[in-house]
Amino acid sequence: MTTRQEKITYIYDHKRKIGCEECKTRDPDILEYHHILEHTKIANISDMVTGPYTLEDVIQEIQKCMVLCSSHHAKRHREQELEWRLGKDE
């Protein structure tokens, strides 16, 4: 069974290696995973760290994501919300 610390270490190393896809910052403390296709999401990566998931489960979920800093992640969600609202008005 994968320990919580092993999952945290993998996630921090992965974030540091990839960095934000928009601004390239590599500080894992401000980097987040953004699911590219929301309907493929099993769980938030942070929930998978403490939940009954293996490291392999976490890695598979990360493959569905892009890494963004917290600012760009929030901006991405605002853009998606705006697109949804505009599409709904049509």
N, C-alpha and C. Protein backbone atom coordinates (compact mmCIF):
# COMPACT_ATOMS: atom_id res chain seq x y z
N MET A 1 0.84 -1.18 0.00
CA MET A 1 0.00 0.00 0.00
C MET A 1 0.89 1.25 0.00
N THR A 2 0.49 2.20 -0.78
CA THR A 2 1.24 3.45 -0.88
C THR A 2 0.96 4.32 0.34
N THR A 3 2.02 4.91 0.89
CA THR A 3 1.82 5.79 2.03
C THR A 3 1.45 7.19 1.55
N ARG A 4 0.85 7.94 2.44
CA ARG A 4 0.49 9.33 2.16
C ARG A 4 1.74 10.12 1.77
N GLN A 5 2.84 9.91 2.49
CA GLN A 5 4.08 10.65 2.22
C GLN A 5 4.63 10.33 0.83
N GLU A 6 4.54 9.10 0.39
CA GLU A 6 5.01 8.73 -0.95
C GLU A 6 4.21 9.47 -2.02
N LYS A 7 2.89 9.58 -1.81
CA LYS A 7 2.05 10.31 -2.77
C LYS A 7 2.39 11.79 -2.77
N ILE A 8 2.58 12.37 -1.59
CA ILE A 8 2.93 13.79 -1.49
C ILE A 8 4.27 14.06 -2.18
N THR A 9 5.24 13.22 -1.94
CA THR A 9 6.56 13.38 -2.55
C THR A 9 6.47 13.32 -4.07
N TYR A 10 5.72 12.36 -4.58
CA TYR A 10 5.56 12.25 -6.04
C TYR A 10 4.92 13.52 -6.60
N ILE A 11 3.86 13.99 -5.97
CA ILE A 11 3.13 15.16 -6.45
C ILE A 11 4.02 16.39 -6.44
N TYR A 12 4.75 16.63 -5.35
CA TYR A 12 5.64 17.79 -5.28
C TYR A 12 6.71 17.72 -6.35
N ASP A 13 7.32 16.55 -6.52
CA ASP A 13 8.36 16.39 -7.54
C ASP A 13 7.79 16.62 -8.94
N HIS A 14 6.60 16.10 -9.19
CA HIS A 14 5.97 16.25 -10.50
C HIS A 14 5.66 17.72 -10.78
N LYS A 15 5.07 18.41 -9.81
CA LYS A 15 4.77 19.83 -9.99
C LYS A 15 6.04 20.64 -10.23
N ARG A 16 7.07 20.37 -9.46
CA ARG A 16 8.35 21.08 -9.61
C ARG A 16 8.94 20.84 -11.00
N LYS A 17 8.81 19.64 -11.51
CA LYS A 17 9.36 19.28 -12.82
C LYS A 17 8.58 19.95 -13.95
N ILE A 18 7.25 19.94 -13.88
CA ILE A 18 6.39 20.44 -14.95
C ILE A 18 6.25 21.96 -14.90
N GLY A 19 5.94 22.51 -13.75
CA GLY A 19 5.70 23.94 -13.60
C GLY A 19 4.37 24.34 -14.22
N CYS A 20 3.98 25.58 -13.97
CA CYS A 20 2.73 26.11 -14.52
C CYS A 20 2.83 26.15 -16.05
N GLU A 21 1.82 25.63 -16.70
CA GLU A 21 1.83 25.60 -18.17
C GLU A 21 1.64 26.98 -18.78
N GLU A 22 1.26 27.98 -17.97
CA GLU A 22 1.08 29.34 -18.47
C GLU A 22 2.30 30.21 -18.19
N CYS A 23 2.71 30.29 -16.92
CA CYS A 23 3.78 31.24 -16.55
C CYS A 23 5.11 30.55 -16.20
N LYS A 24 5.12 29.23 -16.18
CA LYS A 24 6.32 28.42 -15.96
C LYS A 24 6.87 28.42 -14.54
N THR A 25 6.17 29.05 -13.58
CA THR A 25 6.65 28.99 -12.20
C THR A 25 6.71 27.54 -11.75
N ARG A 26 7.68 27.21 -10.91
CA ARG A 26 7.89 25.83 -10.49
C ARG A 26 7.78 25.64 -8.98
N ASP A 27 7.14 26.56 -8.30
CA ASP A 27 6.96 26.45 -6.85
C ASP A 27 5.78 25.51 -6.57
N PRO A 28 6.05 24.31 -6.09
CA PRO A 28 4.96 23.34 -5.90
C PRO A 28 3.91 23.79 -4.89
N ASP A 29 4.25 24.72 -4.02
CA ASP A 29 3.29 25.19 -3.03
C ASP A 29 2.17 26.03 -3.64
N ILE A 30 2.39 26.57 -4.84
CA ILE A 30 1.33 27.37 -5.47
C ILE A 30 0.82 26.73 -6.76
N LEU A 31 1.27 25.52 -7.05
CA LEU A 31 0.83 24.83 -8.26
C LEU A 31 -0.32 23.88 -7.94
N GLU A 32 -1.25 23.79 -8.89
CA GLU A 32 -2.45 22.97 -8.72
C GLU A 32 -2.69 22.16 -9.98
N TYR A 33 -3.44 21.09 -9.83
CA TYR A 33 -3.83 20.28 -10.97
C TYR A 33 -5.21 20.72 -11.46
N HIS A 34 -5.31 20.90 -12.78
CA HIS A 34 -6.58 21.27 -13.41
C HIS A 34 -6.97 20.15 -14.35
N HIS A 35 -8.12 19.54 -14.09
CA HIS A 35 -8.61 18.48 -14.98
C HIS A 35 -9.01 19.08 -16.32
N ILE A 36 -8.43 18.57 -17.38
CA ILE A 36 -8.69 19.09 -18.73
C ILE A 36 -10.12 18.78 -19.15
N LEU A 37 -10.55 17.56 -18.92
CA LEU A 37 -11.94 17.16 -19.21
C LEU A 37 -12.59 16.78 -17.90
N GLU A 38 -13.43 17.65 -17.40
CA GLU A 38 -14.04 17.48 -16.08
C GLU A 38 -14.78 16.14 -15.94
N HIS A 39 -15.39 15.68 -17.01
CA HIS A 39 -16.18 14.45 -16.92
C HIS A 39 -15.32 13.19 -16.74
N THR A 40 -14.01 13.30 -16.92
CA THR A 40 -13.13 12.14 -16.72
C THR A 40 -12.57 12.09 -15.29
N LYS A 41 -12.87 13.10 -14.51
CA LYS A 41 -12.32 13.23 -13.17
C LYS A 41 -12.91 12.20 -12.21
N ILE A 42 -12.04 11.46 -11.54
CA ILE A 42 -12.46 10.52 -10.50
C ILE A 42 -12.50 11.24 -9.15
N ALA A 43 -11.46 12.04 -8.88
CA ALA A 43 -11.38 12.75 -7.60
C ALA A 43 -10.35 13.87 -7.73
N ASN A 44 -10.41 14.82 -6.80
CA ASN A 44 -9.35 15.82 -6.72
C ASN A 44 -8.06 15.13 -6.31
N ILE A 45 -6.96 15.57 -6.87
CA ILE A 45 -5.67 14.96 -6.53
C ILE A 45 -5.42 15.08 -5.03
N SER A 46 -5.73 16.22 -4.44
CA SER A 46 -5.50 16.41 -3.00
C SER A 46 -6.31 15.42 -2.16
N ASP A 47 -7.51 15.10 -2.60
CA ASP A 47 -8.33 14.11 -1.89
C ASP A 47 -7.76 12.70 -2.05
N MET A 48 -7.10 12.46 -3.16
CA MET A 48 -6.52 11.13 -3.41
C MET A 48 -5.33 10.86 -2.51
N VAL A 49 -4.68 11.93 -2.04
CA VAL A 49 -3.53 11.76 -1.15
C VAL A 49 -3.95 11.12 0.17
N THR A 50 -5.07 11.57 0.71
CA THR A 50 -5.52 11.05 2.00
C THR A 50 -6.52 9.92 1.87
N GLY A 51 -7.05 9.73 0.67
CA GLY A 51 -8.04 8.69 0.45
C GLY A 51 -7.42 7.33 0.18
N PRO A 52 -8.28 6.35 -0.09
CA PRO A 52 -7.82 4.96 -0.27
C PRO A 52 -7.29 4.69 -1.69
N TYR A 53 -6.45 5.57 -2.19
CA TYR A 53 -5.93 5.45 -3.55
C TYR A 53 -4.46 5.10 -3.51
N THR A 54 -4.02 4.33 -4.49
CA THR A 54 -2.61 3.98 -4.61
C THR A 54 -1.89 5.09 -5.36
N LEU A 55 -0.57 5.04 -5.34
CA LEU A 55 0.23 6.00 -6.11
C LEU A 55 -0.10 5.87 -7.59
N GLU A 56 -0.30 4.66 -8.06
CA GLU A 56 -0.66 4.44 -9.47
C GLU A 56 -2.00 5.12 -9.80
N ASP A 57 -2.95 5.06 -8.90
CA ASP A 57 -4.23 5.76 -9.10
C ASP A 57 -3.99 7.26 -9.24
N VAL A 58 -3.16 7.80 -8.37
CA VAL A 58 -2.85 9.23 -8.40
C VAL A 58 -2.18 9.60 -9.72
N ILE A 59 -1.22 8.80 -10.15
CA ILE A 59 -0.51 9.07 -11.41
C ILE A 59 -1.49 9.03 -12.58
N GLN A 60 -2.39 8.08 -12.60
CA GLN A 60 -3.38 8.00 -13.68
C GLN A 60 -4.28 9.24 -13.69
N GLU A 61 -4.63 9.73 -12.52
CA GLU A 61 -5.48 10.92 -12.44
C GLU A 61 -4.71 12.16 -12.88
N ILE A 62 -3.44 12.25 -12.50
CA ILE A 62 -2.59 13.38 -12.90
C ILE A 62 -2.47 13.45 -14.42
N GLN A 63 -2.46 12.31 -15.09
CA GLN A 63 -2.35 12.29 -16.54
C GLN A 63 -3.55 12.95 -17.22
N LYS A 64 -4.63 13.15 -16.49
CA LYS A 64 -5.83 13.81 -17.03
C LYS A 64 -5.80 15.32 -16.78
N CYS A 65 -4.69 15.80 -16.22
CA CYS A 65 -4.62 17.18 -15.74
C CYS A 65 -3.50 17.98 -16.40
N MET A 66 -3.63 19.29 -16.25
CA MET A 66 -2.53 20.18 -16.55
C MET A 66 -2.14 20.86 -15.24
N VAL A 67 -0.89 21.28 -15.14
CA VAL A 67 -0.41 21.95 -13.94
C VAL A 67 -0.51 23.45 -14.17
N LEU A 68 -1.15 24.14 -13.23
CA LEU A 68 -1.30 25.59 -13.29
C LEU A 68 -1.02 26.19 -11.92
N CYS A 69 -0.46 27.41 -11.91
CA CYS A 69 -0.33 28.11 -10.63
C CYS A 69 -1.74 28.49 -10.18
N SER A 70 -1.89 28.84 -8.92
CA SER A 70 -3.22 29.12 -8.39
C SER A 70 -3.91 30.26 -9.14
N SER A 71 -3.16 31.28 -9.56
CA SER A 71 -3.75 32.40 -10.31
C SER A 71 -4.28 31.95 -11.66
N HIS A 72 -3.47 31.20 -12.41
CA HIS A 72 -3.90 30.75 -13.73
C HIS A 72 -5.01 29.69 -13.62
N HIS A 73 -5.00 28.91 -12.55
CA HIS A 73 -6.06 27.92 -12.35
C HIS A 73 -7.39 28.64 -12.13
N ALA A 74 -7.39 29.67 -11.28
CA ALA A 74 -8.61 30.44 -11.05
C ALA A 74 -9.08 31.11 -12.33
N LYS A 75 -8.13 31.67 -13.08
CA LYS A 75 -8.47 32.32 -14.35
C LYS A 75 -9.09 31.32 -15.32
N ARG A 76 -8.54 30.12 -15.39
CA ARG A 76 -9.07 29.08 -16.29
C ARG A 76 -10.51 28.75 -15.92
N HIS A 77 -10.79 28.63 -14.63
CA HIS A 77 -12.16 28.33 -14.20
C HIS A 77 -13.11 29.49 -14.49
N ARG A 78 -12.65 30.73 -14.33
CA ARG A 78 -13.50 31.88 -14.68
C ARG A 78 -13.82 31.88 -16.16
N GLU A 79 -12.82 31.58 -16.99
CA GLU A 79 -13.04 31.52 -18.45
C GLU A 79 -14.03 30.43 -18.80
N GLN A 80 -13.91 29.28 -18.17
CA GLN A 80 -14.84 28.18 -18.45
C GLN A 80 -16.25 28.54 -18.02
N GLU A 81 -16.38 29.21 -16.88
CA GLU A 81 -17.70 29.63 -16.40
C GLU A 81 -18.31 30.64 -17.38
N LEU A 82 -17.51 31.57 -17.87
CA LEU A 82 -18.00 32.56 -18.82
C LEU A 82 -18.44 31.89 -20.12
N GLU A 83 -17.64 30.95 -20.62
CA GLU A 83 -18.00 30.21 -21.84
C GLU A 83 -19.31 29.46 -21.64
N TRP A 84 -19.48 28.86 -20.47
CA TRP A 84 -20.71 28.11 -20.18
C TRP A 84 -21.90 29.06 -20.16
N ARG A 85 -21.74 30.21 -19.49
CA ARG A 85 -22.85 31.17 -19.41
C ARG A 85 -23.20 31.75 -20.78
N LEU A 86 -22.19 32.06 -21.57
CA LEU A 86 -22.46 32.60 -22.90
C LEU A 86 -23.12 31.56 -23.79
N GLY A 87 -22.68 30.33 -23.68
CA GLY A 87 -23.28 29.24 -24.47
C GLY A 87 -24.71 28.97 -24.06
N LYS A 88 -24.99 29.15 -22.79
CA LYS A 88 -26.33 28.91 -22.27
C LYS A 88 -27.33 29.95 -22.78
N ASP A 89 -26.84 31.18 -23.07
CA ASP A 89 -27.71 32.26 -23.54
C ASP A 89 -28.10 32.10 -25.00
N GLU A 90 -27.39 31.28 -25.72
CA GLU A 90 -27.66 31.13 -27.16
C GLU A 90 -28.87 30.30 -27.44
